[in-house]
């Protein structure tokens, strides 16, 4: 079994992600191929004590994974239902809380190998996984060396395709940091998120080095291929993307937002204690105090939507610090 720690000292404490990933792999009885850490703990974006680690969990078979977790007492939904939901707008989102959270808490995006490849390929169904996996991530566990190499290869393919969908929205000339900044703006627009409106810019500052190191070689390779021309550290397209490409990706991002929003309904089924989790996240990211009414707690599908709209409309323009 292979483990890899995050590439610097920021973010989650040493060994925490690896230990939690190991517990998940053990509970899943060999059905986990890889665990990838992303999000606030990895970035050091000041997660509080209630914040879960963010994992993408790549499994070899949905049914096998959920049967194993159910047998280990780590999920309480029907494995058959969870497996069926995996085929509808993948991934499923689950909470992994061994020993009732005493050993850590992880929010897991569960996806099998074929869905992982599709989500990070050249024609993704939406931007939900792609938006997260082209940012700074860490492969914290792989079942063996072959699956480690495979997972790294899929991640590299996703990064290599960034210029295709960000390029139509780039102002020339640009560099690797401009590419990363525009990428985040597009990804945040492709989801409804309860965060300050400058969140993309804030998160970019946490990843400036990542984008420079990862996308700098990508841009140089595009110069070698004749796709870009470069001068003085800045780049231009040899043939700029036209309106057809922009329209295509605008439609894709709009469709992605619809799919991501529809996926909320599924998360309510698959994610234990989803309502307290969302309330804490809204309070942490916006600074708003959320007091739910008894009706909102009892019947959130019917009565929570007006509050959701109010929160989205009342998001602050800026956050004072990374949260």
C-alpha atoms as a PDB file:
ATOM      1  CA  UNK A   1       0.000   0.000   0.000  1.00  0.00           C
ATOM      2  CA  UNK A   2       1.289   3.411  -0.961  1.00  0.00           C
ATOM      3  CA  UNK A   3       0.901   6.625   0.984  1.00  0.00           C
ATOM      4  CA  UNK A   4       1.994  10.094   0.019  1.00  0.00           C
ATOM      5  CA  UNK A   5       1.876  13.116   2.288  1.00  0.00           C
ATOM      6  CA  UNK A   6       0.914  16.614   1.122  1.00  0.00           C
ATOM      7  CA  UNK A   7       3.771  18.418  -0.586  1.00  0.00           C
ATOM      8  CA  UNK A   8       4.356  21.064   2.079  1.00  0.00           C
ATOM      9  CA  UNK A   9       3.755  21.768   5.730  1.00  0.00           C
ATOM     10  CA  UNK A  10       0.591  23.821   5.282  1.00  0.00           C
ATOM     11  CA  UNK A  11      -2.765  22.266   5.839  1.00  0.00           C
ATOM     12  CA  UNK A  12      -3.720  19.230   7.799  1.00  0.00           C
ATOM     13  CA  UNK A  13      -1.405  17.930  10.498  1.00  0.00           C
ATOM     14  CA  UNK A  14       1.179  15.269   9.628  1.00  0.00           C
ATOM     15  CA  UNK A  15      -0.325  11.843   9.254  1.00  0.00           C
ATOM     16  CA  UNK A  16      -3.944  12.837   9.910  1.00  0.00           C
ATOM     17  CA  UNK A  17      -5.142  12.379   6.343  1.00  0.00           C
ATOM     18  CA  UNK A  18      -3.066   9.244   5.837  1.00  0.00           C
ATOM     19  CA  UNK A  19      -4.349   7.684   9.060  1.00  0.00           C
ATOM     20  CA  UNK A  20      -7.971   8.418   8.229  1.00  0.00           C
ATOM     21  CA  UNK A  21      -7.519   7.109   4.688  1.00  0.00           C
ATOM     22  CA  UNK A  22      -6.014   3.915   6.107  1.00  0.00           C
ATOM     23  CA  UNK A  23      -9.017   3.424   8.385  1.00  0.00           C
ATOM     24  CA  UNK A  24     -11.347   3.937   5.424  1.00  0.00           C
ATOM     25  CA  UNK A  25      -9.439   1.445   3.282  1.00  0.00           C
ATOM     26  CA  UNK A  26      -9.540  -1.102   6.107  1.00  0.00           C
ATOM     27  CA  UNK A  27     -13.282  -0.658   6.615  1.00  0.00           C
ATOM     28  CA  UNK A  28     -13.837  -0.970   2.860  1.00  0.00           C
ATOM     29  CA  UNK A  29     -12.188  -4.398   2.813  1.00  0.00           C
ATOM     30  CA  UNK A  30      -9.855  -3.846  -0.120  1.00  0.00           C
ATOM     31  CA  UNK A  31     -12.311  -2.066  -2.421  1.00  0.00           C
ATOM     32  CA  UNK A  32     -10.485   1.314  -2.306  1.00  0.00           C
ATOM     33  CA  UNK A  33      -8.005   1.964  -5.099  1.00  0.00           C
ATOM     34  CA  UNK A  34      -6.939   5.482  -4.144  1.00  0.00           C
ATOM     35  CA  UNK A  35      -7.722   8.314  -1.724  1.00  0.00           C
ATOM     36  CA  UNK A  36      -7.004  11.884  -2.830  1.00  0.00           C
ATOM     37  CA  UNK A  37      -6.982  14.791  -0.389  1.00  0.00           C
ATOM     38  CA  UNK A  38      -8.111  18.230  -1.539  1.00  0.00           C
ATOM     39  CA  UNK A  39      -9.710  21.341  -0.064  1.00  0.00           C
ATOM     40  CA  UNK A  40      -9.222  23.539   2.983  1.00  0.00           C
ATOM     41  CA  UNK A  41      -7.190  21.135   5.133  1.00  0.00           C
ATOM     42  CA  UNK A  42      -4.645  20.610   2.378  1.00  0.00           C
ATOM     43  CA  UNK A  43      -4.479  24.307   1.499  1.00  0.00           C
ATOM     44  CA  UNK A  44      -4.225  25.433   5.111  1.00  0.00           C
ATOM     45  CA  UNK A  45      -7.313  27.604   4.541  1.00  0.00           C
ATOM     46  CA  UNK A  46      -7.972  27.834   8.290  1.00  0.00           C
ATOM     47  CA  UNK A  47     -10.454  24.968   8.733  1.00  0.00           C
ATOM     48  CA  UNK A  48     -12.067  24.924  12.177  1.00  0.00           C
ATOM     49  CA  UNK A  49     -12.405  21.968  14.526  1.00  0.00           C
ATOM     50  CA  UNK A  50     -15.690  20.942  12.898  1.00  0.00           C
ATOM     51  CA  UNK A  51     -14.223  20.867   9.383  1.00  0.00           C
ATOM     52  CA  UNK A  52     -14.046  17.503   7.673  1.00  0.00           C
ATOM     53  CA  UNK A  53     -11.131  16.425   5.550  1.00  0.00           C
ATOM     54  CA  UNK A  54     -12.098  16.389   1.873  1.00  0.00           C
ATOM     55  CA  UNK A  55     -11.407  13.068   0.137  1.00  0.00           C
ATOM     56  CA  UNK A  56     -12.015  11.753  -3.344  1.00  0.00           C
ATOM     57  CA  UNK A  57     -12.250   7.989  -2.880  1.00  0.00           C
ATOM     58  CA  UNK A  58     -11.723   5.904  -6.023  1.00  0.00           C
ATOM     59  CA  UNK A  59     -13.204   2.416  -5.652  1.00  0.00           C
ATOM     60  CA  UNK A  60     -13.061  -0.694  -7.803  1.00  0.00           C
ATOM     61  CA  UNK A  61     -16.768  -1.500  -7.419  1.00  0.00           C
ATOM     62  CA  UNK A  62     -19.577   0.560  -5.886  1.00  0.00           C
ATOM     63  CA  UNK A  63     -21.593  -2.383  -4.557  1.00  0.00           C
ATOM     64  CA  UNK A  64     -18.567  -4.007  -2.937  1.00  0.00           C
ATOM     65  CA  UNK A  65     -17.508  -0.733  -1.304  1.00  0.00           C
ATOM     66  CA  UNK A  66     -20.906   0.027   0.233  1.00  0.00           C
ATOM     67  CA  UNK A  67     -21.475  -3.547   1.398  1.00  0.00           C
ATOM     68  CA  UNK A  68     -18.141  -3.476   3.211  1.00  0.00           C
ATOM     69  CA  UNK A  69     -18.797  -0.104   4.882  1.00  0.00           C
ATOM     70  CA  UNK A  70     -22.260  -1.229   5.928  1.00  0.00           C
ATOM     71  CA  UNK A  71     -20.893  -4.459   7.407  1.00  0.00           C
ATOM     72  CA  UNK A  72     -18.289  -2.416   9.308  1.00  0.00           C
ATOM     73  CA  UNK A  73     -21.011  -0.162  10.711  1.00  0.00           C
ATOM     74  CA  UNK A  74     -19.629   2.939   8.964  1.00  0.00           C
ATOM     75  CA  UNK A  75     -22.717   3.679   6.846  1.00  0.00           C
ATOM     76  CA  UNK A  76     -26.318   3.073   7.790  1.00  0.00           C
ATOM     77  CA  UNK A  77     -27.973   3.372   4.393  1.00  0.00           C
ATOM     78  CA  UNK A  78     -28.876   0.323   2.320  1.00  0.00           C
ATOM     79  CA  UNK A  79     -25.842  -0.752   0.237  1.00  0.00           C
ATOM     80  CA  UNK A  80     -28.229  -1.508  -2.619  1.00  0.00           C
ATOM     81  CA  UNK A  81     -29.655   2.025  -2.518  1.00  0.00           C
ATOM     82  CA  UNK A  82     -26.209   3.583  -2.243  1.00  0.00           C
ATOM     83  CA  UNK A  83     -24.967   1.515  -5.174  1.00  0.00           C
ATOM     84  CA  UNK A  84     -27.952   2.508  -7.303  1.00  0.00           C
ATOM     85  CA  UNK A  85     -27.489   6.209  -6.480  1.00  0.00           C
ATOM     86  CA  UNK A  86     -23.842   5.937  -7.515  1.00  0.00           C
ATOM     87  CA  UNK A  87     -24.991   5.592 -11.127  1.00  0.00           C
ATOM     88  CA  UNK A  88     -27.072   8.772 -10.945  1.00  0.00           C
ATOM     89  CA  UNK A  89     -24.981  11.953 -11.146  1.00  0.00           C
ATOM     90  CA  UNK A  90     -21.804  10.410  -9.693  1.00  0.00           C
ATOM     91  CA  UNK A  91     -20.123  10.813  -7.287  1.00  0.00           C
ATOM     92  CA  UNK A  92     -22.010   9.997  -4.101  1.00  0.00           C
ATOM     93  CA  UNK A  93     -20.985  12.061  -1.072  1.00  0.00           C
ATOM     94  CA  UNK A  94     -20.721  10.248   2.256  1.00  0.00           C
ATOM     95  CA  UNK A  95     -19.436  11.037   5.728  1.00  0.00           C
ATOM     96  CA  UNK A  96     -16.774   8.741   7.179  1.00  0.00           C
ATOM     97  CA  UNK A  97     -16.653   9.157  10.956  1.00  0.00           C
ATOM     98  CA  UNK A  98     -14.892   6.183  12.598  1.00  0.00           C
ATOM     99  CA  UNK A  99     -15.525   5.927  16.334  1.00  0.00           C
ATOM    100  CA  UNK A 100     -18.175   8.649  15.958  1.00  0.00           C
ATOM    101  CA  UNK A 101     -15.560  11.093  14.744  1.00  0.00           C
ATOM    102  CA  UNK A 102     -12.981  10.436  17.458  1.00  0.00           C
ATOM    103  CA  UNK A 103     -10.536   9.240  14.772  1.00  0.00           C
ATOM    104  CA  UNK A 104     -11.330  12.090  12.407  1.00  0.00           C
ATOM    105  CA  UNK A 105     -14.069  13.067   9.984  1.00  0.00           C
ATOM    106  CA  UNK A 106     -13.938  12.903   6.209  1.00  0.00           C
ATOM    107  CA  UNK A 107     -16.363  14.085   3.567  1.00  0.00           C
ATOM    108  CA  UNK A 108     -15.830  11.541   0.795  1.00  0.00           C
ATOM    109  CA  UNK A 109     -16.691  11.876  -2.882  1.00  0.00           C
ATOM    110  CA  UNK A 110     -16.983   8.225  -3.893  1.00  0.00           C
ATOM    111  CA  UNK A 111     -16.370   7.354  -7.537  1.00  0.00           C
ATOM    112  CA  UNK A 112     -15.363   4.186  -9.356  1.00  0.00           C
ATOM    113  CA  UNK A 113     -12.496   3.996 -11.816  1.00  0.00           C
ATOM    114  CA  UNK A 114     -14.545   4.445 -14.982  1.00  0.00           C
ATOM    115  CA  UNK A 115     -16.489   7.426 -13.620  1.00  0.00           C
ATOM    116  CA  UNK A 116     -13.252   8.985 -12.325  1.00  0.00           C
ATOM    117  CA  UNK A 117     -11.643   8.760 -15.770  1.00  0.00           C
ATOM    118  CA  UNK A 118     -14.727  10.180 -17.463  1.00  0.00           C
ATOM    119  CA  UNK A 119     -15.045  13.064 -14.988  1.00  0.00           C
ATOM    120  CA  UNK A 120     -11.430  14.127 -15.590  1.00  0.00           C
ATOM    121  CA  UNK A 121     -11.327  13.471 -19.317  1.00  0.00           C
ATOM    122  CA  UNK A 122     -11.739  15.690 -22.372  1.00  0.00           C
ATOM    123  CA  UNK A 123     -15.554  15.472 -22.374  1.00  0.00           C
ATOM    124  CA  UNK A 124     -16.597  15.540 -18.688  1.00  0.00           C
ATOM    125  CA  UNK A 125     -20.304  15.331 -17.817  1.00  0.00           C
ATOM    126  CA  UNK A 126     -19.859  18.329 -15.486  1.00  0.00           C
ATOM    127  CA  UNK A 127     -17.157  20.250 -13.627  1.00  0.00           C
ATOM    128  CA  UNK A 128     -17.817  18.904 -10.125  1.00  0.00           C
ATOM    129  CA  UNK A 129     -14.789  16.594  -9.876  1.00  0.00           C
ATOM    130  CA  UNK A 130     -12.688  18.265 -12.543  1.00  0.00           C
ATOM    131  CA  UNK A 131     -12.811  21.645 -10.770  1.00  0.00           C
ATOM    132  CA  UNK A 132     -11.395  20.083  -7.609  1.00  0.00           C
ATOM    133  CA  UNK A 133      -8.809  17.735  -9.104  1.00  0.00           C
ATOM    134  CA  UNK A 134      -6.961  20.335 -11.209  1.00  0.00           C
ATOM    135  CA  UNK A 135      -6.287  22.344  -8.072  1.00  0.00           C
ATOM    136  CA  UNK A 136      -3.711  21.348  -5.482  1.00  0.00           C
ATOM    137  CA  UNK A 137      -4.322  17.758  -4.376  1.00  0.00           C
ATOM    138  CA  UNK A 138      -2.381  15.019  -2.614  1.00  0.00           C
ATOM    139  CA  UNK A 139      -2.621  11.304  -3.235  1.00  0.00           C
ATOM    140  CA  UNK A 140      -2.588  10.150   0.394  1.00  0.00           C
ATOM    141  CA  UNK A 141      -3.234   6.470  -0.190  1.00  0.00           C
ATOM    142  CA  UNK A 142      -3.113   3.979  -3.043  1.00  0.00           C
ATOM    143  CA  UNK A 143      -3.728   0.253  -2.842  1.00  0.00           C
ATOM    144  CA  UNK A 144      -0.455  -0.516  -4.657  1.00  0.00           C
ATOM    145  CA  UNK A 145       2.167   1.035  -6.913  1.00  0.00           C
ATOM    146  CA  UNK A 146       0.241   0.266 -10.116  1.00  0.00           C
ATOM    147  CA  UNK A 147      -2.873   2.037  -8.890  1.00  0.00           C
ATOM    148  CA  UNK A 148      -0.782   4.947  -7.631  1.00  0.00           C
ATOM    149  CA  UNK A 149       0.692   5.390 -11.117  1.00  0.00           C
ATOM    150  CA  UNK A 150      -2.754   5.046 -12.665  1.00  0.00           C
ATOM    151  CA  UNK A 151      -4.305   7.687 -10.390  1.00  0.00           C
ATOM    152  CA  UNK A 152      -1.422  10.099 -10.962  1.00  0.00           C
ATOM    153  CA  UNK A 153      -1.825   9.584 -14.708  1.00  0.00           C
ATOM    154  CA  UNK A 154      -5.533  10.449 -14.616  1.00  0.00           C
ATOM    155  CA  UNK A 155      -4.793  13.590 -12.590  1.00  0.00           C
ATOM    156  CA  UNK A 156      -2.086  14.607 -15.054  1.00  0.00           C
ATOM    157  CA  UNK A 157      -4.501  14.116 -17.967  1.00  0.00           C
ATOM    158  CA  UNK A 158      -6.978  16.457 -16.251  1.00  0.00           C
ATOM    159  CA  UNK A 159      -4.325  19.127 -15.787  1.00  0.00           C
ATOM    160  CA  UNK A 160      -3.126  18.742 -19.367  1.00  0.00           C
ATOM    161  CA  UNK A 161      -6.637  19.513 -20.629  1.00  0.00           C
ATOM    162  CA  UNK A 162      -7.021  22.773 -18.693  1.00  0.00           C
ATOM    163  CA  UNK A 163      -5.978  25.005 -21.577  1.00  0.00           C
ATOM    164  CA  UNK A 164      -8.807  23.613 -23.730  1.00  0.00           C
ATOM    165  CA  UNK A 165     -11.605  24.879 -21.498  1.00  0.00           C
ATOM    166  CA  UNK A 166      -9.965  27.869 -19.837  1.00  0.00           C
ATOM    167  CA  UNK A 167      -8.322  29.153 -23.021  1.00  0.00           C
ATOM    168  CA  UNK A 168     -11.499  30.580 -24.619  1.00  0.00           C
ATOM    169  CA  UNK A 169     -11.930  32.849 -21.584  1.00  0.00           C
ATOM    170  CA  UNK A 170      -8.328  34.042 -21.180  1.00  0.00           C
ATOM    171  CA  UNK A 171      -7.195  37.573 -21.948  1.00  0.00           C
ATOM    172  CA  UNK A 172      -3.905  37.640 -23.852  1.00  0.00           C
ATOM    173  CA  UNK A 173      -1.089  37.726 -23.023  1.00  0.00           C
ATOM    174  CA  UNK A 174      -1.267  35.370 -20.029  1.00  0.00           C
ATOM    175  CA  UNK A 175       0.975  33.256 -17.847  1.00  0.00           C
ATOM    176  CA  UNK A 176       0.531  30.202 -15.617  1.00  0.00           C
ATOM    177  CA  UNK A 177      -0.835  32.259 -12.733  1.00  0.00           C
ATOM    178  CA  UNK A 178      -3.366  33.996 -15.011  1.00  0.00           C
ATOM    179  CA  UNK A 179      -4.455  30.557 -16.196  1.00  0.00           C
ATOM    180  CA  UNK A 180      -4.925  29.327 -12.621  1.00  0.00           C
ATOM    181  CA  UNK A 181      -6.797  32.442 -11.529  1.00  0.00           C
ATOM    182  CA  UNK A 182      -9.193  32.276 -14.484  1.00  0.00           C
ATOM    183  CA  UNK A 183      -9.669  28.553 -13.904  1.00  0.00           C
ATOM    184  CA  UNK A 184     -10.870  29.171 -10.361  1.00  0.00           C
ATOM    185  CA  UNK A 185     -13.227  31.957 -11.454  1.00  0.00           C
ATOM    186  CA  UNK A 186     -14.868  29.640 -13.993  1.00  0.00           C
ATOM    187  CA  UNK A 187     -15.110  26.733 -11.549  1.00  0.00           C
ATOM    188  CA  UNK A 188     -16.698  28.831  -8.812  1.00  0.00           C
ATOM    189  CA  UNK A 189     -19.232  30.217 -11.288  1.00  0.00           C
ATOM    190  CA  UNK A 190     -20.176  26.656 -12.239  1.00  0.00           C
ATOM    191  CA  UNK A 191     -21.601  26.007  -8.750  1.00  0.00           C
ATOM    192  CA  UNK A 192     -23.902  27.710  -6.269  1.00  0.00           C
ATOM    193  CA  UNK A 193     -21.718  28.101  -3.198  1.00  0.00           C
ATOM    194  CA  UNK A 194     -22.468  29.766   0.174  1.00  0.00           C
ATOM    195  CA  UNK A 195     -19.245  31.753   0.241  1.00  0.00           C
ATOM    196  CA  UNK A 196     -18.008  35.309  -0.112  1.00  0.00           C
ATOM    197  CA  UNK A 197     -17.928  36.482  -3.697  1.00  0.00           C
ATOM    198  CA  UNK A 198     -14.154  36.865  -3.668  1.00  0.00           C
ATOM    199  CA  UNK A 199     -13.594  33.262  -2.580  1.00  0.00           C
ATOM    200  CA  UNK A 200     -11.977  32.305  -5.906  1.00  0.00           C
ATOM    201  CA  UNK A 201      -9.394  35.080  -5.536  1.00  0.00           C
ATOM    202  CA  UNK A 202      -8.716  34.072  -1.922  1.00  0.00           C
ATOM    203  CA  UNK A 203      -8.223  30.418  -2.819  1.00  0.00           C
ATOM    204  CA  UNK A 204      -5.987  31.399  -5.734  1.00  0.00           C
ATOM    205  CA  UNK A 205      -3.595  33.098  -3.323  1.00  0.00           C
ATOM    206  CA  UNK A 206      -3.365  29.836  -1.387  1.00  0.00           C
ATOM    207  CA  UNK A 207      -2.399  28.001  -4.595  1.00  0.00           C
ATOM    208  CA  UNK A 208      -0.353  30.535  -6.537  1.00  0.00           C
ATOM    209  CA  UNK A 209       2.769  28.366  -6.372  1.00  0.00           C
ATOM    210  CA  UNK A 210       0.822  25.255  -7.360  1.00  0.00           C
ATOM    211  CA  UNK A 211      -0.522  26.882 -10.521  1.00  0.00           C
ATOM    212  CA  UNK A 212       2.874  28.306 -11.434  1.00  0.00           C
ATOM    213  CA  UNK A 213       4.622  24.960 -10.949  1.00  0.00           C
ATOM    214  CA  UNK A 214       1.964  22.786 -12.570  1.00  0.00           C
ATOM    215  CA  UNK A 215       0.846  24.955 -15.458  1.00  0.00           C
ATOM    216  CA  UNK A 216       4.176  26.583 -16.343  1.00  0.00           C
ATOM    217  CA  UNK A 217       5.477  23.371 -17.978  1.00  0.00           C
ATOM    218  CA  UNK A 218       2.070  22.885 -19.623  1.00  0.00           C
ATOM    219  CA  UNK A 219       2.327  26.263 -21.333  1.00  0.00           C
ATOM    220  CA  UNK A 220       5.919  25.609 -22.417  1.00  0.00           C
ATOM    221  CA  UNK A 221       4.830  22.290 -23.937  1.00  0.00           C
ATOM    222  CA  UNK A 222       2.095  24.136 -25.841  1.00  0.00           C
ATOM    223  CA  UNK A 223       4.772  26.458 -27.258  1.00  0.00           C
ATOM    224  CA  UNK A 224       6.761  23.430 -28.419  1.00  0.00           C
ATOM    225  CA  UNK A 225       3.616  22.010 -30.038  1.00  0.00           C
ATOM    226  CA  UNK A 226       2.977  25.291 -31.846  1.00  0.00           C
ATOM    227  CA  UNK A 227      -0.264  25.965 -30.037  1.00  0.00           C
ATOM    228  CA  UNK A 228       1.129  28.981 -28.173  1.00  0.00           C
ATOM    229  CA  UNK A 229       3.837  31.537 -28.724  1.00  0.00           C
ATOM    230  CA  UNK A 230       5.802  32.793 -25.745  1.00  0.00           C
ATOM    231  CA  UNK A 231       7.808  35.888 -24.994  1.00  0.00           C
ATOM    232  CA  UNK A 232       8.991  37.370 -21.707  1.00  0.00           C
ATOM    233  CA  UNK A 233       7.159  34.794 -19.615  1.00  0.00           C
ATOM    234  CA  UNK A 234       3.808  35.570 -21.259  1.00  0.00           C
ATOM    235  CA  UNK A 235       1.920  33.537 -23.850  1.00  0.00           C
ATOM    236  CA  UNK A 236      -0.466  34.009 -26.755  1.00  0.00           C
ATOM    237  CA  UNK A 237      -2.456  31.542 -28.825  1.00  0.00           C
ATOM    238  CA  UNK A 238      -1.132  30.836 -32.300  1.00  0.00           C
ATOM    239  CA  UNK A 239      -4.786  30.542 -33.331  1.00  0.00           C
ATOM    240  CA  UNK A 240      -6.992  32.163 -30.654  1.00  0.00           C
ATOM    241  CA  UNK A 241     -10.073  30.166 -29.572  1.00  0.00           C
ATOM    242  CA  UNK A 242     -13.113  31.518 -31.368  1.00  0.00           C
ATOM    243  CA  UNK A 243     -16.741  32.151 -30.394  1.00  0.00           C
ATOM    244  CA  UNK A 244     -17.732  28.545 -31.123  1.00  0.00           C
ATOM    245  CA  UNK A 245     -15.383  27.278 -28.403  1.00  0.00           C
ATOM    246  CA  UNK A 246     -16.589  29.941 -25.961  1.00  0.00           C
ATOM    247  CA  UNK A 247     -20.239  29.058 -26.596  1.00  0.00           C
ATOM    248  CA  UNK A 248     -19.523  25.365 -26.182  1.00  0.00           C
ATOM    249  CA  UNK A 249     -17.845  25.795 -22.810  1.00  0.00           C
ATOM    250  CA  UNK A 250     -20.395  28.344 -21.603  1.00  0.00           C
ATOM    251  CA  UNK A 251     -23.136  25.789 -22.294  1.00  0.00           C
ATOM    252  CA  UNK A 252     -21.094  23.125 -20.535  1.00  0.00           C
ATOM    253  CA  UNK A 253     -20.584  25.272 -17.436  1.00  0.00           C
ATOM    254  CA  UNK A 254     -24.270  26.204 -17.310  1.00  0.00           C
ATOM    255  CA  UNK A 255     -25.237  22.539 -17.619  1.00  0.00           C
ATOM    256  CA  UNK A 256     -22.654  21.707 -14.968  1.00  0.00           C
ATOM    257  CA  UNK A 257     -24.249  24.160 -12.540  1.00  0.00           C
ATOM    258  CA  UNK A 258     -27.646  22.503 -13.116  1.00  0.00           C
ATOM    259  CA  UNK A 259     -26.187  19.030 -12.490  1.00  0.00           C
ATOM    260  CA  UNK A 260     -24.282  20.120  -9.387  1.00  0.00           C
ATOM    261  CA  UNK A 261     -27.432  21.736  -7.962  1.00  0.00           C
ATOM    262  CA  UNK A 262     -29.543  18.657  -8.728  1.00  0.00           C
ATOM    263  CA  UNK A 263     -26.918  16.544  -6.955  1.00  0.00           C
ATOM    264  CA  UNK A 264     -27.818  18.320  -3.686  1.00  0.00           C
ATOM    265  CA  UNK A 265     -30.969  16.181  -3.481  1.00  0.00           C
ATOM    266  CA  UNK A 266     -28.884  13.028  -3.655  1.00  0.00           C
ATOM    267  CA  UNK A 267     -26.472  14.271  -0.991  1.00  0.00           C
ATOM    268  CA  UNK A 268     -29.409  14.577   1.413  1.00  0.00           C
ATOM    269  CA  UNK A 269     -29.863  10.812   1.100  1.00  0.00           C
ATOM    270  CA  UNK A 270     -26.240   9.653   1.074  1.00  0.00           C
ATOM    271  CA  UNK A 271     -24.611  12.072   3.553  1.00  0.00           C
ATOM    272  CA  UNK A 272     -25.365  11.429   7.234  1.00  0.00           C
ATOM    273  CA  UNK A 273     -26.185  14.570   9.247  1.00  0.00           C
ATOM    274  CA  UNK A 274     -26.010  16.707   6.130  1.00  0.00           C
ATOM    275  CA  UNK A 275     -28.082  19.541   7.582  1.00  0.00           C
ATOM    276  CA  UNK A 276     -25.822  20.368  10.584  1.00  0.00           C
ATOM    277  CA  UNK A 277     -22.816  20.089   8.262  1.00  0.00           C
ATOM    278  CA  UNK A 278     -24.259  22.625   5.811  1.00  0.00           C
ATOM    279  CA  UNK A 279     -25.249  25.013   8.614  1.00  0.00           C
ATOM    280  CA  UNK A 280     -21.716  24.979  10.044  1.00  0.00           C
ATOM    281  CA  UNK A 281     -20.228  25.498   6.596  1.00  0.00           C
ATOM    282  CA  UNK A 282     -22.476  28.463   5.830  1.00  0.00           C
ATOM    283  CA  UNK A 283     -21.651  30.068   9.184  1.00  0.00           C
ATOM    284  CA  UNK A 284     -17.920  29.510   8.712  1.00  0.00           C
ATOM    285  CA  UNK A 285     -17.755  30.738   5.113  1.00  0.00           C
ATOM    286  CA  UNK A 286     -20.123  33.720   5.336  1.00  0.00           C
ATOM    287  CA  UNK A 287     -19.988  34.819   8.966  1.00  0.00           C
ATOM    288  CA  UNK A 288     -23.797  34.557   9.144  1.00  0.00           C
ATOM    289  CA  UNK A 289     -25.500  33.010  12.167  1.00  0.00           C
ATOM    290  CA  UNK A 290     -28.026  30.393  11.033  1.00  0.00           C
ATOM    291  CA  UNK A 291     -30.882  29.456  13.366  1.00  0.00           C
ATOM    292  CA  UNK A 292     -33.162  26.900  11.732  1.00  0.00           C
ATOM    293  CA  UNK A 293     -36.842  26.791  12.555  1.00  0.00           C
ATOM    294  CA  UNK A 294     -38.468  23.537  13.705  1.00  0.00           C
ATOM    295  CA  UNK A 295     -40.153  23.196  10.305  1.00  0.00           C
ATOM    296  CA  UNK A 296     -36.847  23.697   8.482  1.00  0.00           C
ATOM    297  CA  UNK A 297     -35.252  20.974  10.582  1.00  0.00           C
ATOM    298  CA  UNK A 298     -38.167  18.566  10.268  1.00  0.00           C
ATOM    299  CA  UNK A 299     -38.968  19.078   6.564  1.00  0.00           C
ATOM    300  CA  UNK A 300     -35.947  20.727   4.928  1.00  0.00           C
ATOM    301  CA  UNK A 301     -36.937  19.711   1.404  1.00  0.00           C
ATOM    302  CA  UNK A 302     -40.111  21.759   1.733  1.00  0.00           C
ATOM    303  CA  UNK A 303     -39.151  24.668   3.966  1.00  0.00           C
ATOM    304  CA  UNK A 304     -35.390  25.227   3.653  1.00  0.00           C
ATOM    305  CA  UNK A 305     -35.310  26.601   0.094  1.00  0.00           C
ATOM    306  CA  UNK A 306     -36.286  30.225   0.940  1.00  0.00           C
ATOM    307  CA  UNK A 307     -33.411  30.365   3.432  1.00  0.00           C
ATOM    308  CA  UNK A 308     -31.009  28.932   0.831  1.00  0.00           C
ATOM    309  CA  UNK A 309     -31.973  31.712  -1.581  1.00  0.00           C
ATOM    310  CA  UNK A 310     -31.544  34.372   1.128  1.00  0.00           C
ATOM    311  CA  UNK A 311     -28.089  33.068   2.034  1.00  0.00           C
ATOM    312  CA  UNK A 312     -26.939  33.076  -1.588  1.00  0.00           C
ATOM    313  CA  UNK A 313     -28.229  36.608  -2.142  1.00  0.00           C
ATOM    314  CA  UNK A 314     -26.723  37.903   1.118  1.00  0.00           C
ATOM    315  CA  UNK A 315     -23.226  36.509   0.608  1.00  0.00           C
ATOM    316  CA  UNK A 316     -20.587  39.095   1.546  1.00  0.00           C
ATOM    317  CA  UNK A 317     -18.512  40.602  -1.229  1.00  0.00           C
ATOM    318  CA  UNK A 318     -15.286  39.788   0.586  1.00  0.00           C
ATOM    319  CA  UNK A 319     -14.125  37.568   3.397  1.00  0.00           C
ATOM    320  CA  UNK A 320     -11.777  39.087   5.937  1.00  0.00           C
ATOM    321  CA  UNK A 321      -9.631  35.998   6.165  1.00  0.00           C
ATOM    322  CA  UNK A 322      -9.391  32.540   4.656  1.00  0.00           C
ATOM    323  CA  UNK A 323     -11.912  30.282   6.362  1.00  0.00           C
END
